[in-house]
Amino acid sequence: MKKLQNSLYITKDGVYLHKQRETLLIEQRTEGVKEKLMQLPIHSIGSIFCFGNIMVSPQLLGFCGESGTHLSFFDMQGRFLANVVGKQTGNVLLRRQQYRVVDQASTEIARLIVSAKVRSSRTLLQRHRRNHGDSDKLNKAINRLRQILEQLEVTLSYEQVLGMEGEAAAHYFAAFSEVIKANQSGKLFNGRSRRPPKDPVNAVLSLLYSVLGQEISGALQGVGLDPQVGFLHKERPGRDSLALDLLEEFRAPLIDTLVVTLFNRGQLSESDFTTDSVGGVTLKDEARKRVFQAYQSKKQEEIRHEFLQEKIQLGLLPHVQAMLLARHIRGDLECYPPFYLKK
């Protein structure tokens, strides 16, 4: 089993990252004066996520490319900008088979992924209803998601699967406002919005979805799959469609549950956000650090993987599911077993 390595989140504008022997050195340079902020063993870091104006030395870029350390760049709102990709690795025969499967049997894998997403979304709503009481919105969404799951049990066309995924998401987010207990006024969450997010909950969701998407892309490359060729999300230049496919499985288990906890426990509030001139909502620096700390802790939690029948850390899910998908594409598994939340 792959060891869950540390992820490093750089959110301080203007810092400089470089490699010094076997360590990663993080410095602040102001008017020619260097201040060392942190020095870490470089081989203990699995991923580096840079937000804002972060400078990285050519030596560190080269090391990340050669070692497979995932290095990604985002703007301060969490919008993905670029990542560092080294020499192409993995089995070329696996990628060729991936392309054949996408052409011949993409709808079935898309159906399985959407079923897992809907099941996890419904479980999250059911848990809230069990712990905090029901409401008309919750009951309506839970019942409709059950009906959609039943419809997804039969063979469908790609367009039907896509339509059911969209309808399920609409019902889920219509009830999601009920799950955020401090949202009585609707100011924290008022329906899913993106590019830019229009409220605090959407700001955190978009930020963490973006980070997790890049982690999934790295996991797919690690097993030799092409992250740009997906089953549910069709190819688009510059988009990691397969990473977006697997992200659907992890939204509720990894991100949505964490965001609900942060707001319901009072770890985040309206005062932790700013709104720009076009209505986009962004986390303040200190709040962003708290979010990443909570996310890193969330990834350390252990769950029992039903297919593997063993305990794994949540942060290993992208690597585990990428491995299982590769095994299915090779023909070692008859069906791809997607991950979903248990009741």
C-alpha atoms as a PDB file:
ATOM      1  CA  MET A   1       0.000   0.000   0.000  1.00  0.00           C
ATOM      2  CA  LYS A   2       1.276   3.439  -0.886  1.00  0.00           C
ATOM      3  CA  LYS A   3       2.310   5.505   2.140  1.00  0.00           C
ATOM      4  CA  LEU A   4       0.331   8.708   2.581  1.00  0.00           C
ATOM      5  CA  GLN A   5       2.978  11.375   2.252  1.00  0.00           C
ATOM      6  CA  ASN A   6       2.617  14.936   3.460  1.00  0.00           C
ATOM      7  CA  SER A   7       1.054  17.628   1.300  1.00  0.00           C
ATOM      8  CA  LEU A   8       2.513  21.115   1.604  1.00  0.00           C
ATOM      9  CA  TYR A   9       0.275  24.158   1.020  1.00  0.00           C
ATOM     10  CA  ILE A  10       2.080  27.446   0.326  1.00  0.00           C
ATOM     11  CA  THR A  11      -0.263  30.416   0.767  1.00  0.00           C
ATOM     12  CA  LYS A  12       2.110  33.251   1.692  1.00  0.00           C
ATOM     13  CA  ASP A  13       2.580  35.657  -1.215  1.00  0.00           C
ATOM     14  CA  GLY A  14       6.117  36.264  -2.423  1.00  0.00           C
ATOM     15  CA  VAL A  15       7.907  33.287  -0.850  1.00  0.00           C
ATOM     16  CA  TYR A  16      10.688  31.449  -2.651  1.00  0.00           C
ATOM     17  CA  LEU A  17      11.003  27.649  -2.694  1.00  0.00           C
ATOM     18  CA  HIS A  18      14.249  25.923  -3.573  1.00  0.00           C
ATOM     19  CA  LYS A  19      16.110  22.674  -3.011  1.00  0.00           C
ATOM     20  CA  GLN A  20      19.124  22.604  -0.707  1.00  0.00           C
ATOM     21  CA  ARG A  21      20.770  19.185  -0.695  1.00  0.00           C
ATOM     22  CA  GLU A  22      18.038  16.793   0.481  1.00  0.00           C
ATOM     23  CA  THR A  23      15.767  19.462   1.909  1.00  0.00           C
ATOM     24  CA  LEU A  24      13.141  21.905   0.702  1.00  0.00           C
ATOM     25  CA  LEU A  25      13.914  25.444   1.825  1.00  0.00           C
ATOM     26  CA  ILE A  26      11.161  28.059   2.015  1.00  0.00           C
ATOM     27  CA  GLU A  27      12.343  31.666   2.228  1.00  0.00           C
ATOM     28  CA  GLN A  28      10.827  35.140   2.319  1.00  0.00           C
ATOM     29  CA  ARG A  29      12.885  37.681   0.387  1.00  0.00           C
ATOM     30  CA  THR A  30      12.249  41.342   1.180  1.00  0.00           C
ATOM     31  CA  GLU A  31      14.461  44.138  -0.213  1.00  0.00           C
ATOM     32  CA  GLY A  32      17.385  41.767  -0.664  1.00  0.00           C
ATOM     33  CA  VAL A  33      17.101  40.274   2.829  1.00  0.00           C
ATOM     34  CA  LYS A  34      16.408  36.538   3.072  1.00  0.00           C
ATOM     35  CA  GLU A  35      14.414  35.079   5.942  1.00  0.00           C
ATOM     36  CA  LYS A  36      14.161  31.289   6.319  1.00  0.00           C
ATOM     37  CA  LEU A  37      10.574  30.322   7.077  1.00  0.00           C
ATOM     38  CA  MET A  38      10.812  26.531   6.947  1.00  0.00           C
ATOM     39  CA  GLN A  39      13.165  23.691   6.009  1.00  0.00           C
ATOM     40  CA  LEU A  40      11.825  20.170   5.432  1.00  0.00           C
ATOM     41  CA  PRO A  41      13.180  16.791   4.254  1.00  0.00           C
ATOM     42  CA  ILE A  42      12.260  16.861   0.593  1.00  0.00           C
ATOM     43  CA  HIS A  43      11.617  13.130   0.226  1.00  0.00           C
ATOM     44  CA  SER A  44       8.877  13.246   2.873  1.00  0.00           C
ATOM     45  CA  ILE A  45       6.711  15.528   0.708  1.00  0.00           C
ATOM     46  CA  GLY A  46       4.228  13.967  -1.695  1.00  0.00           C
ATOM     47  CA  SER A  47       2.576  17.111  -3.077  1.00  0.00           C
ATOM     48  CA  ILE A  48       3.214  20.870  -3.080  1.00  0.00           C
ATOM     49  CA  PHE A  49       0.321  23.258  -3.732  1.00  0.00           C
ATOM     50  CA  CYS A  50       1.238  26.917  -4.342  1.00  0.00           C
ATOM     51  CA  PHE A  51      -1.374  29.663  -4.041  1.00  0.00           C
ATOM     52  CA  GLY A  52      -0.724  33.184  -5.287  1.00  0.00           C
ATOM     53  CA  ASN A  53       2.647  34.661  -6.218  1.00  0.00           C
ATOM     54  CA  ILE A  54       5.033  31.815  -5.311  1.00  0.00           C
ATOM     55  CA  MET A  55       8.493  31.484  -6.865  1.00  0.00           C
ATOM     56  CA  VAL A  56      10.151  28.083  -7.369  1.00  0.00           C
ATOM     57  CA  SER A  57      13.754  27.415  -8.357  1.00  0.00           C
ATOM     58  CA  PRO A  58      14.594  25.479 -11.561  1.00  0.00           C
ATOM     59  CA  GLN A  59      16.368  22.834  -9.447  1.00  0.00           C
ATOM     60  CA  LEU A  60      13.232  22.202  -7.404  1.00  0.00           C
ATOM     61  CA  LEU A  61      11.087  22.093 -10.556  1.00  0.00           C
ATOM     62  CA  GLY A  62      13.435  19.481 -11.998  1.00  0.00           C
ATOM     63  CA  PHE A  63      13.416  17.427  -8.811  1.00  0.00           C
ATOM     64  CA  CYS A  64       9.607  17.378  -8.697  1.00  0.00           C
ATOM     65  CA  GLY A  65       9.424  16.295 -12.328  1.00  0.00           C
ATOM     66  CA  GLU A  66      11.953  13.484 -11.869  1.00  0.00           C
ATOM     67  CA  SER A  67      10.696  12.211  -8.499  1.00  0.00           C
ATOM     68  CA  GLY A  68       6.979  12.396  -9.226  1.00  0.00           C
ATOM     69  CA  THR A  69       6.383  14.948  -6.467  1.00  0.00           C
ATOM     70  CA  HIS A  70       3.174  16.702  -7.471  1.00  0.00           C
ATOM     71  CA  LEU A  71       3.709  20.477  -7.796  1.00  0.00           C
ATOM     72  CA  SER A  72       0.661  22.588  -8.692  1.00  0.00           C
ATOM     73  CA  PHE A  73       0.003  26.315  -8.955  1.00  0.00           C
ATOM     74  CA  PHE A  74      -3.295  28.070  -8.173  1.00  0.00           C
ATOM     75  CA  ASP A  75      -4.413  31.655  -7.899  1.00  0.00           C
ATOM     76  CA  MET A  76      -5.556  32.936  -4.492  1.00  0.00           C
ATOM     77  CA  GLN A  77      -9.156  31.903  -5.258  1.00  0.00           C
ATOM     78  CA  GLY A  78      -8.069  28.299  -5.796  1.00  0.00           C
ATOM     79  CA  ARG A  79      -8.375  28.326  -9.593  1.00  0.00           C
ATOM     80  CA  PHE A  80      -5.904  25.857 -11.084  1.00  0.00           C
ATOM     81  CA  LEU A  81      -3.140  27.429 -13.202  1.00  0.00           C
ATOM     82  CA  ALA A  82      -0.495  24.803 -13.955  1.00  0.00           C
ATOM     83  CA  ASN A  83       1.408  21.817 -12.653  1.00  0.00           C
ATOM     84  CA  VAL A  84       4.849  20.354 -13.155  1.00  0.00           C
ATOM     85  CA  VAL A  85       4.987  17.194 -15.253  1.00  0.00           C
ATOM     86  CA  GLY A  86       8.206  15.236 -15.629  1.00  0.00           C
ATOM     87  CA  LYS A  87       9.113  12.479 -18.053  1.00  0.00           C
ATOM     88  CA  GLN A  88       6.115  10.386 -19.145  1.00  0.00           C
ATOM     89  CA  THR A  89       5.891   7.243 -17.036  1.00  0.00           C
ATOM     90  CA  GLY A  90       3.601   4.234 -16.932  1.00  0.00           C
ATOM     91  CA  ASN A  91       2.823   1.465 -19.342  1.00  0.00           C
ATOM     92  CA  VAL A  92       2.061   2.699 -22.863  1.00  0.00           C
ATOM     93  CA  LEU A  93       0.043  -0.482 -23.454  1.00  0.00           C
ATOM     94  CA  LEU A  94      -2.212   0.414 -20.538  1.00  0.00           C
ATOM     95  CA  ARG A  95      -2.870   3.866 -21.977  1.00  0.00           C
ATOM     96  CA  ARG A  96      -3.659   2.396 -25.402  1.00  0.00           C
ATOM     97  CA  GLN A  97      -6.127   0.020 -23.762  1.00  0.00           C
ATOM     98  CA  GLN A  98      -7.610   2.946 -21.827  1.00  0.00           C
ATOM     99  CA  TYR A  99      -8.377   4.721 -25.098  1.00  0.00           C
ATOM    100  CA  ARG A 100     -10.029   1.575 -26.485  1.00  0.00           C
ATOM    101  CA  VAL A 101     -12.208   1.155 -23.392  1.00  0.00           C
ATOM    102  CA  VAL A 102     -13.230   4.824 -23.533  1.00  0.00           C
ATOM    103  CA  ASP A 103     -14.352   4.348 -27.135  1.00  0.00           C
ATOM    104  CA  GLN A 104     -16.141   1.045 -26.543  1.00  0.00           C
ATOM    105  CA  ALA A 105     -17.485   0.948 -22.960  1.00  0.00           C
ATOM    106  CA  SER A 106     -17.316   4.417 -21.430  1.00  0.00           C
ATOM    107  CA  THR A 107     -21.038   4.568 -20.575  1.00  0.00           C
ATOM    108  CA  GLU A 108     -20.883   1.615 -18.158  1.00  0.00           C
ATOM    109  CA  ILE A 109     -17.984   3.089 -16.152  1.00  0.00           C
ATOM    110  CA  ALA A 110     -19.674   6.500 -16.205  1.00  0.00           C
ATOM    111  CA  ARG A 111     -22.855   4.866 -14.826  1.00  0.00           C
ATOM    112  CA  LEU A 112     -20.942   3.226 -11.991  1.00  0.00           C
ATOM    113  CA  ILE A 113     -19.206   6.489 -11.055  1.00  0.00           C
ATOM    114  CA  VAL A 114     -22.471   8.452 -11.067  1.00  0.00           C
ATOM    115  CA  SER A 115     -24.192   5.748  -8.993  1.00  0.00           C
ATOM    116  CA  ALA A 116     -21.426   5.986  -6.386  1.00  0.00           C
ATOM    117  CA  LYS A 117     -21.657   9.773  -6.325  1.00  0.00           C
ATOM    118  CA  VAL A 118     -25.445   9.735  -5.860  1.00  0.00           C
ATOM    119  CA  ARG A 119     -25.202   7.059  -3.156  1.00  0.00           C
ATOM    120  CA  SER A 120     -22.625   9.079  -1.189  1.00  0.00           C
ATOM    121  CA  SER A 121     -24.631  12.292  -1.573  1.00  0.00           C
ATOM    122  CA  ARG A 122     -27.762  10.551  -0.287  1.00  0.00           C
ATOM    123  CA  THR A 123     -25.864   9.020   2.637  1.00  0.00           C
ATOM    124  CA  LEU A 124     -24.556  12.448   3.695  1.00  0.00           C
ATOM    125  CA  LEU A 125     -28.123  13.830   3.739  1.00  0.00           C
ATOM    126  CA  GLN A 126     -29.424  10.749   5.567  1.00  0.00           C
ATOM    127  CA  ARG A 127     -26.778  11.079   8.279  1.00  0.00           C
ATOM    128  CA  HIS A 128     -27.753  14.698   8.845  1.00  0.00           C
ATOM    129  CA  ARG A 129     -31.447  13.784   9.034  1.00  0.00           C
ATOM    130  CA  ARG A 130     -30.706  10.992  11.510  1.00  0.00           C
ATOM    131  CA  ASN A 131     -28.621  13.255  13.763  1.00  0.00           C
ATOM    132  CA  HIS A 132     -30.463  16.576  13.465  1.00  0.00           C
ATOM    133  CA  GLY A 133     -34.020  15.860  12.364  1.00  0.00           C
ATOM    134  CA  ASP A 134     -35.787  15.966   9.029  1.00  0.00           C
ATOM    135  CA  SER A 135     -37.266  18.683   6.838  1.00  0.00           C
ATOM    136  CA  ASP A 136     -39.292  18.810   3.639  1.00  0.00           C
ATOM    137  CA  LYS A 137     -36.212  19.659   1.565  1.00  0.00           C
ATOM    138  CA  LEU A 138     -34.172  16.822   3.045  1.00  0.00           C
ATOM    139  CA  ASN A 139     -36.942  14.259   2.643  1.00  0.00           C
ATOM    140  CA  LYS A 140     -37.632  15.298  -0.938  1.00  0.00           C
ATOM    141  CA  ALA A 141     -33.951  15.107  -1.924  1.00  0.00           C
ATOM    142  CA  ILE A 142     -33.344  11.771  -0.166  1.00  0.00           C
ATOM    143  CA  ASN A 143     -36.391  10.184  -1.792  1.00  0.00           C
ATOM    144  CA  ARG A 144     -35.559  11.481  -5.274  1.00  0.00           C
ATOM    145  CA  LEU A 145     -31.930  10.375  -4.993  1.00  0.00           C
ATOM    146  CA  ARG A 146     -33.185   6.883  -4.089  1.00  0.00           C
ATOM    147  CA  GLN A 147     -35.324   6.864  -7.243  1.00  0.00           C
ATOM    148  CA  ILE A 148     -32.370   7.997  -9.362  1.00  0.00           C
ATOM    149  CA  LEU A 149     -30.226   5.201  -7.895  1.00  0.00           C
ATOM    150  CA  GLU A 150     -32.872   2.679  -8.900  1.00  0.00           C
ATOM    151  CA  GLN A 151     -32.954   4.100 -12.419  1.00  0.00           C
ATOM    152  CA  LEU A 152     -29.167   3.873 -12.633  1.00  0.00           C
ATOM    153  CA  GLU A 153     -29.321   0.111 -11.958  1.00  0.00           C
ATOM    154  CA  VAL A 154     -30.443  -0.537 -15.531  1.00  0.00           C
ATOM    155  CA  THR A 155     -28.545  -0.093 -18.784  1.00  0.00           C
ATOM    156  CA  LEU A 156     -28.745   3.513 -19.947  1.00  0.00           C
ATOM    157  CA  SER A 157     -27.362   5.671 -22.712  1.00  0.00           C
ATOM    158  CA  TYR A 158     -24.550   8.117 -21.985  1.00  0.00           C
ATOM    159  CA  GLU A 159     -26.951  11.063 -22.328  1.00  0.00           C
ATOM    160  CA  GLN A 160     -29.333   9.503 -19.778  1.00  0.00           C
ATOM    161  CA  VAL A 161     -26.507   8.944 -17.287  1.00  0.00           C
ATOM    162  CA  LEU A 162     -25.370  12.538 -17.720  1.00  0.00           C
ATOM    163  CA  GLY A 163     -28.905  13.814 -17.253  1.00  0.00           C
ATOM    164  CA  MET A 164     -29.406  11.823 -14.053  1.00  0.00           C
ATOM    165  CA  GLU A 165     -26.099  13.065 -12.672  1.00  0.00           C
ATOM    166  CA  GLY A 166     -27.210  16.645 -13.263  1.00  0.00           C
ATOM    167  CA  GLU A 167     -30.638  16.091 -11.722  1.00  0.00           C
ATOM    168  CA  ALA A 168     -29.143  14.353  -8.674  1.00  0.00           C
ATOM    169  CA  ALA A 169     -26.716  17.234  -8.130  1.00  0.00           C
ATOM    170  CA  ALA A 170     -29.569  19.752  -8.324  1.00  0.00           C
ATOM    171  CA  HIS A 171     -31.623  17.903  -5.674  1.00  0.00           C
ATOM    172  CA  TYR A 172     -28.565  17.370  -3.465  1.00  0.00           C
ATOM    173  CA  PHE A 173     -27.509  21.006  -3.407  1.00  0.00           C
ATOM    174  CA  ALA A 174     -31.118  22.152  -2.948  1.00  0.00           C
ATOM    175  CA  ALA A 175     -31.045  20.274   0.376  1.00  0.00           C
ATOM    176  CA  PHE A 176     -27.409  21.059   1.214  1.00  0.00           C
ATOM    177  CA  SER A 177     -28.433  24.419   2.711  1.00  0.00           C
ATOM    178  CA  GLU A 178     -30.323  22.429   5.393  1.00  0.00           C
ATOM    179  CA  VAL A 179     -27.129  20.626   6.357  1.00  0.00           C
ATOM    180  CA  ILE A 180     -25.272  23.871   7.171  1.00  0.00           C
ATOM    181  CA  LYS A 181     -26.887  24.577  10.538  1.00  0.00           C
ATOM    182  CA  ALA A 182     -25.721  28.220  10.727  1.00  0.00           C
ATOM    183  CA  ASN A 183     -27.273  29.009   7.338  1.00  0.00           C
ATOM    184  CA  GLN A 184     -30.688  30.236   8.475  1.00  0.00           C
ATOM    185  CA  SER A 185     -30.308  33.527   6.587  1.00  0.00           C
ATOM    186  CA  GLY A 186     -28.981  31.814   3.444  1.00  0.00           C
ATOM    187  CA  LYS A 187     -25.858  33.986   3.471  1.00  0.00           C
ATOM    188  CA  LEU A 188     -23.447  31.071   3.913  1.00  0.00           C
ATOM    189  CA  PHE A 189     -24.913  28.944   1.113  1.00  0.00           C
ATOM    190  CA  ASN A 190     -27.620  29.619  -1.427  1.00  0.00           C
ATOM    191  CA  GLY A 191     -27.178  26.919  -4.057  1.00  0.00           C
ATOM    192  CA  ARG A 192     -24.084  25.743  -5.913  1.00  0.00           C
ATOM    193  CA  SER A 193     -22.165  28.529  -7.665  1.00  0.00           C
ATOM    194  CA  ARG A 194     -18.695  28.630  -9.224  1.00  0.00           C
ATOM    195  CA  ARG A 195     -16.386  30.816 -11.333  1.00  0.00           C
ATOM    196  CA  PRO A 196     -16.620  32.782  -9.104  1.00  0.00           C
ATOM    197  CA  PRO A 197     -18.230  31.272  -5.989  1.00  0.00           C
ATOM    198  CA  LYS A 198     -20.926  33.595  -4.647  1.00  0.00           C
ATOM    199  CA  ASP A 199     -20.958  32.619  -0.961  1.00  0.00           C
ATOM    200  CA  PRO A 200     -18.611  31.248   1.746  1.00  0.00           C
ATOM    201  CA  VAL A 201     -19.567  27.565   1.464  1.00  0.00           C
ATOM    202  CA  ASN A 202     -19.096  27.595  -2.311  1.00  0.00           C
ATOM    203  CA  ALA A 203     -15.729  29.324  -1.892  1.00  0.00           C
ATOM    204  CA  VAL A 204     -14.438  26.468   0.285  1.00  0.00           C
ATOM    205  CA  LEU A 205     -16.018  23.756  -1.860  1.00  0.00           C
ATOM    206  CA  SER A 206     -14.436  25.134  -5.046  1.00  0.00           C
ATOM    207  CA  LEU A 207     -11.042  25.547  -3.411  1.00  0.00           C
ATOM    208  CA  LEU A 208     -10.892  22.004  -2.067  1.00  0.00           C
ATOM    209  CA  TYR A 209     -12.402  20.414  -5.188  1.00  0.00           C
ATOM    210  CA  SER A 210      -9.624  22.086  -7.184  1.00  0.00           C
ATOM    211  CA  VAL A 211      -6.877  20.805  -4.874  1.00  0.00           C
ATOM    212  CA  LEU A 212      -8.302  17.283  -4.728  1.00  0.00           C
ATOM    213  CA  GLY A 213      -8.625  17.222  -8.514  1.00  0.00           C
ATOM    214  CA  GLN A 214      -4.904  17.801  -8.873  1.00  0.00           C
ATOM    215  CA  GLU A 215      -4.155  15.055  -6.331  1.00  0.00           C
ATOM    216  CA  ILE A 216      -6.308  12.655  -8.333  1.00  0.00           C
ATOM    217  CA  SER A 217      -4.518  13.643 -11.551  1.00  0.00           C
ATOM    218  CA  GLY A 218      -1.191  12.799  -9.917  1.00  0.00           C
ATOM    219  CA  ALA A 219      -2.540   9.449  -8.695  1.00  0.00           C
ATOM    220  CA  LEU A 220      -3.731   8.542 -12.201  1.00  0.00           C
ATOM    221  CA  GLN A 221      -0.358   9.401 -13.702  1.00  0.00           C
ATOM    222  CA  GLY A 222       1.242   7.308 -10.957  1.00  0.00           C
ATOM    223  CA  VAL A 223      -0.466   4.125 -12.188  1.00  0.00           C
ATOM    224  CA  GLY A 224       0.152   4.930 -15.853  1.00  0.00           C
ATOM    225  CA  LEU A 225      -3.300   6.208 -16.898  1.00  0.00           C
ATOM    226  CA  ASP A 226      -3.899   9.310 -18.987  1.00  0.00           C
ATOM    227  CA  PRO A 227      -5.751  11.800 -16.732  1.00  0.00           C
ATOM    228  CA  GLN A 228      -7.106  13.738 -19.723  1.00  0.00           C
ATOM    229  CA  VAL A 229      -9.156  10.883 -21.195  1.00  0.00           C
ATOM    230  CA  GLY A 230     -12.314  10.271 -19.158  1.00  0.00           C
ATOM    231  CA  PHE A 231     -15.512   8.243 -19.240  1.00  0.00           C
ATOM    232  CA  LEU A 232     -18.107  10.606 -17.737  1.00  0.00           C
ATOM    233  CA  HIS A 233     -16.352  13.862 -18.661  1.00  0.00           C
ATOM    234  CA  LYS A 234     -15.460  13.859 -22.337  1.00  0.00           C
ATOM    235  CA  GLU A 235     -12.133  15.094 -23.683  1.00  0.00           C
ATOM    236  CA  ARG A 236     -11.523  18.805 -23.792  1.00  0.00           C
ATOM    237  CA  PRO A 237      -8.108  20.374 -24.494  1.00  0.00           C
ATOM    238  CA  GLY A 238      -6.347  21.216 -21.239  1.00  0.00           C
ATOM    239  CA  ARG A 239      -8.857  19.425 -18.987  1.00  0.00           C
ATOM    240  CA  ASP A 240      -8.051  16.361 -16.880  1.00  0.00           C
ATOM    241  CA  SER A 241     -11.345  14.636 -17.645  1.00  0.00           C
ATOM    242  CA  LEU A 242     -10.519  11.313 -15.972  1.00  0.00           C
ATOM    243  CA  ALA A 243      -9.455  13.136 -12.799  1.00  0.00           C
ATOM    244  CA  LEU A 244     -12.834  14.901 -12.832  1.00  0.00           C
ATOM    245  CA  ASP A 245     -14.504  11.492 -13.185  1.00  0.00           C
ATOM    246  CA  LEU A 246     -12.921  10.139 -10.008  1.00  0.00           C
ATOM    247  CA  LEU A 247     -13.485  13.449  -8.228  1.00  0.00           C
ATOM    248  CA  GLU A 248     -17.227  12.722  -8.454  1.00  0.00           C
ATOM    249  CA  GLU A 249     -16.723   9.720  -6.161  1.00  0.00           C
ATOM    250  CA  PHE A 250     -14.863  11.758  -3.530  1.00  0.00           C
ATOM    251  CA  ARG A 251     -16.888  14.978  -3.337  1.00  0.00           C
ATOM    252  CA  ALA A 252     -19.199  13.915  -0.520  1.00  0.00           C
ATOM    253  CA  PRO A 253     -16.824  11.567   1.395  1.00  0.00           C
ATOM    254  CA  LEU A 254     -13.788  13.875   1.466  1.00  0.00           C
ATOM    255  CA  ILE A 255     -14.821  17.456   0.763  1.00  0.00           C
ATOM    256  CA  ASP A 256     -18.517  18.023   1.475  1.00  0.00           C
ATOM    257  CA  THR A 257     -18.408  16.302   4.878  1.00  0.00           C
ATOM    258  CA  LEU A 258     -15.348  18.362   5.835  1.00  0.00           C
ATOM    259  CA  VAL A 259     -16.930  21.657   4.748  1.00  0.00           C
ATOM    260  CA  VAL A 260     -20.107  20.891   6.720  1.00  0.00           C
ATOM    261  CA  THR A 261     -18.003  20.193   9.813  1.00  0.00           C
ATOM    262  CA  LEU A 262     -15.980  23.409   9.472  1.00  0.00           C
ATOM    263  CA  PHE A 263     -19.088  25.597   9.353  1.00  0.00           C
ATOM    264  CA  ASN A 264     -21.220  23.655  11.824  1.00  0.00           C
ATOM    265  CA  ARG A 265     -18.471  23.668  14.466  1.00  0.00           C
ATOM    266  CA  GLY A 266     -17.883  27.384  14.024  1.00  0.00           C
ATOM    267  CA  GLN A 267     -14.366  26.936  12.647  1.00  0.00           C
ATOM    268  CA  LEU A 268     -15.417  29.107   9.692  1.00  0.00           C
ATOM    269  CA  SER A 269     -17.847  32.042   9.658  1.00  0.00           C
ATOM    270  CA  GLU A 270     -18.820  34.953   7.399  1.00  0.00           C
ATOM    271  CA  SER A 271     -16.017  37.074   8.883  1.00  0.00           C
ATOM    272  CA  ASP A 272     -13.417  34.712   7.352  1.00  0.00           C
ATOM    273  CA  PHE A 273     -14.324  35.751   3.783  1.00  0.00           C
ATOM    274  CA  THR A 274     -14.075  38.772   1.515  1.00  0.00           C
ATOM    275  CA  THR A 275     -16.224  39.709  -1.489  1.00  0.00           C
ATOM    276  CA  ASP A 276     -14.751  41.339  -4.594  1.00  0.00           C
ATOM    277  CA  SER A 277     -16.320  43.892  -6.939  1.00  0.00           C
ATOM    278  CA  VAL A 278     -18.042  41.247  -9.096  1.00  0.00           C
ATOM    279  CA  GLY A 279     -19.473  39.310  -6.155  1.00  0.00           C
ATOM    280  CA  GLY A 280     -16.832  36.590  -5.941  1.00  0.00           C
ATOM    281  CA  VAL A 281     -16.205  35.329  -2.404  1.00  0.00           C
ATOM    282  CA  THR A 282     -12.689  34.405  -1.241  1.00  0.00           C
ATOM    283  CA  LEU A 283     -11.174  33.033   1.952  1.00  0.00           C
ATOM    284  CA  LYS A 284      -8.931  35.303   3.985  1.00  0.00           C
ATOM    285  CA  ASP A 285      -5.345  34.119   4.441  1.00  0.00           C
ATOM    286  CA  GLU A 286      -5.644  32.865   8.033  1.00  0.00           C
ATOM    287  CA  ALA A 287      -8.902  31.073   7.283  1.00  0.00           C
ATOM    288  CA  ARG A 288      -7.354  29.403   4.234  1.00  0.00           C
ATOM    289  CA  LYS A 289      -4.585  28.030   6.426  1.00  0.00           C
ATOM    290  CA  ARG A 290      -7.163  26.576   8.833  1.00  0.00           C
ATOM    291  CA  VAL A 291      -9.003  24.956   5.928  1.00  0.00           C
ATOM    292  CA  PHE A 292      -5.843  23.277   4.637  1.00  0.00           C
ATOM    293  CA  GLN A 293      -4.910  22.085   8.132  1.00  0.00           C
ATOM    294  CA  ALA A 294      -8.363  20.552   8.517  1.00  0.00           C
ATOM    295  CA  TYR A 295      -8.140  18.993   5.056  1.00  0.00           C
ATOM    296  CA  GLN A 296      -4.797  17.418   5.850  1.00  0.00           C
ATOM    297  CA  SER A 297      -6.211  16.004   9.096  1.00  0.00           C
ATOM    298  CA  LYS A 298      -9.256  14.681   7.228  1.00  0.00           C
ATOM    299  CA  LYS A 299      -6.989  12.752   4.868  1.00  0.00           C
ATOM    300  CA  GLN A 300      -5.427  10.960   7.849  1.00  0.00           C
ATOM    301  CA  GLU A 301      -8.778   9.464   8.925  1.00  0.00           C
ATOM    302  CA  GLU A 302      -9.142   5.727   8.394  1.00  0.00           C
ATOM    303  CA  ILE A 303     -12.077   4.041   6.680  1.00  0.00           C
ATOM    304  CA  ARG A 304     -12.722   0.462   5.681  1.00  0.00           C
ATOM    305  CA  HIS A 305     -12.582   0.005   1.927  1.00  0.00           C
ATOM    306  CA  GLU A 306     -15.374  -2.412   1.045  1.00  0.00           C
ATOM    307  CA  PHE A 307     -13.745  -3.860  -2.056  1.00  0.00           C
ATOM    308  CA  LEU A 308     -10.256  -4.269  -0.601  1.00  0.00           C
ATOM    309  CA  GLN A 309     -11.652  -5.336   2.781  1.00  0.00           C
ATOM    310  CA  GLU A 310      -8.963  -3.417   4.640  1.00  0.00           C
ATOM    311  CA  LYS A 311      -8.538  -0.106   6.418  1.00  0.00           C
ATOM    312  CA  ILE A 312      -6.981   2.753   4.499  1.00  0.00           C
ATOM    313  CA  GLN A 313      -6.533   6.474   5.077  1.00  0.00           C
ATOM    314  CA  LEU A 314      -8.953   8.736   3.236  1.00  0.00           C
ATOM    315  CA  GLY A 315      -6.051  10.502   1.572  1.00  0.00           C
ATOM    316  CA  LEU A 316      -5.096   7.248  -0.165  1.00  0.00           C
ATOM    317  CA  LEU A 317      -8.447   6.918  -1.919  1.00  0.00           C
ATOM    318  CA  PRO A 318      -7.293   8.593  -5.175  1.00  0.00           C
ATOM    319  CA  HIS A 319      -4.358   6.165  -5.401  1.00  0.00           C
ATOM    320  CA  VAL A 320      -6.487   3.125  -4.522  1.00  0.00           C
ATOM    321  CA  GLN A 321      -9.244   3.947  -7.008  1.00  0.00           C
ATOM    322  CA  ALA A 322      -6.721   4.781  -9.728  1.00  0.00           C
ATOM    323  CA  MET A 323      -5.117   1.363  -9.151  1.00  0.00           C
ATOM    324  CA  LEU A 324      -8.512  -0.410  -9.293  1.00  0.00           C
ATOM    325  CA  LEU A 325      -9.467   1.440 -12.474  1.00  0.00           C
ATOM    326  CA  ALA A 326      -6.148   0.451 -14.078  1.00  0.00           C
ATOM    327  CA  ARG A 327      -6.747  -3.181 -13.103  1.00  0.00           C
ATOM    328  CA  HIS A 328     -10.197  -3.087 -14.700  1.00  0.00           C
ATOM    329  CA  ILE A 329      -8.853  -1.525 -17.899  1.00  0.00           C
ATOM    330  CA  ARG A 330      -6.138  -4.219 -18.092  1.00  0.00           C
ATOM    331  CA  GLY A 331      -8.840  -6.899 -17.744  1.00  0.00           C
ATOM    332  CA  ASP A 332      -7.835  -8.075 -14.253  1.00  0.00           C
ATOM    333  CA  LEU A 333     -11.209  -6.951 -12.800  1.00  0.00           C
ATOM    334  CA  GLU A 334     -14.507  -7.612 -14.562  1.00  0.00           C
ATOM    335  CA  CYS A 335     -16.058  -4.356 -13.264  1.00  0.00           C
ATOM    336  CA  TYR A 336     -14.642  -1.154 -11.857  1.00  0.00           C
ATOM    337  CA  PRO A 337     -15.597  -0.906  -8.139  1.00  0.00           C
ATOM    338  CA  PRO A 338     -16.222   2.807  -7.368  1.00  0.00           C
ATOM    339  CA  PHE A 339     -15.985   4.174  -3.830  1.00  0.00           C
ATOM    340  CA  TYR A 340     -19.044   5.438  -1.953  1.00  0.00           C
ATOM    341  CA  LEU A 341     -20.061   6.357   1.594  1.00  0.00           C
ATOM    342  CA  LYS A 342     -21.685   3.633   3.674  1.00  0.00           C
ATOM    343  CA  LYS A 343     -24.745   4.461   5.762  1.00  0.00           C
END
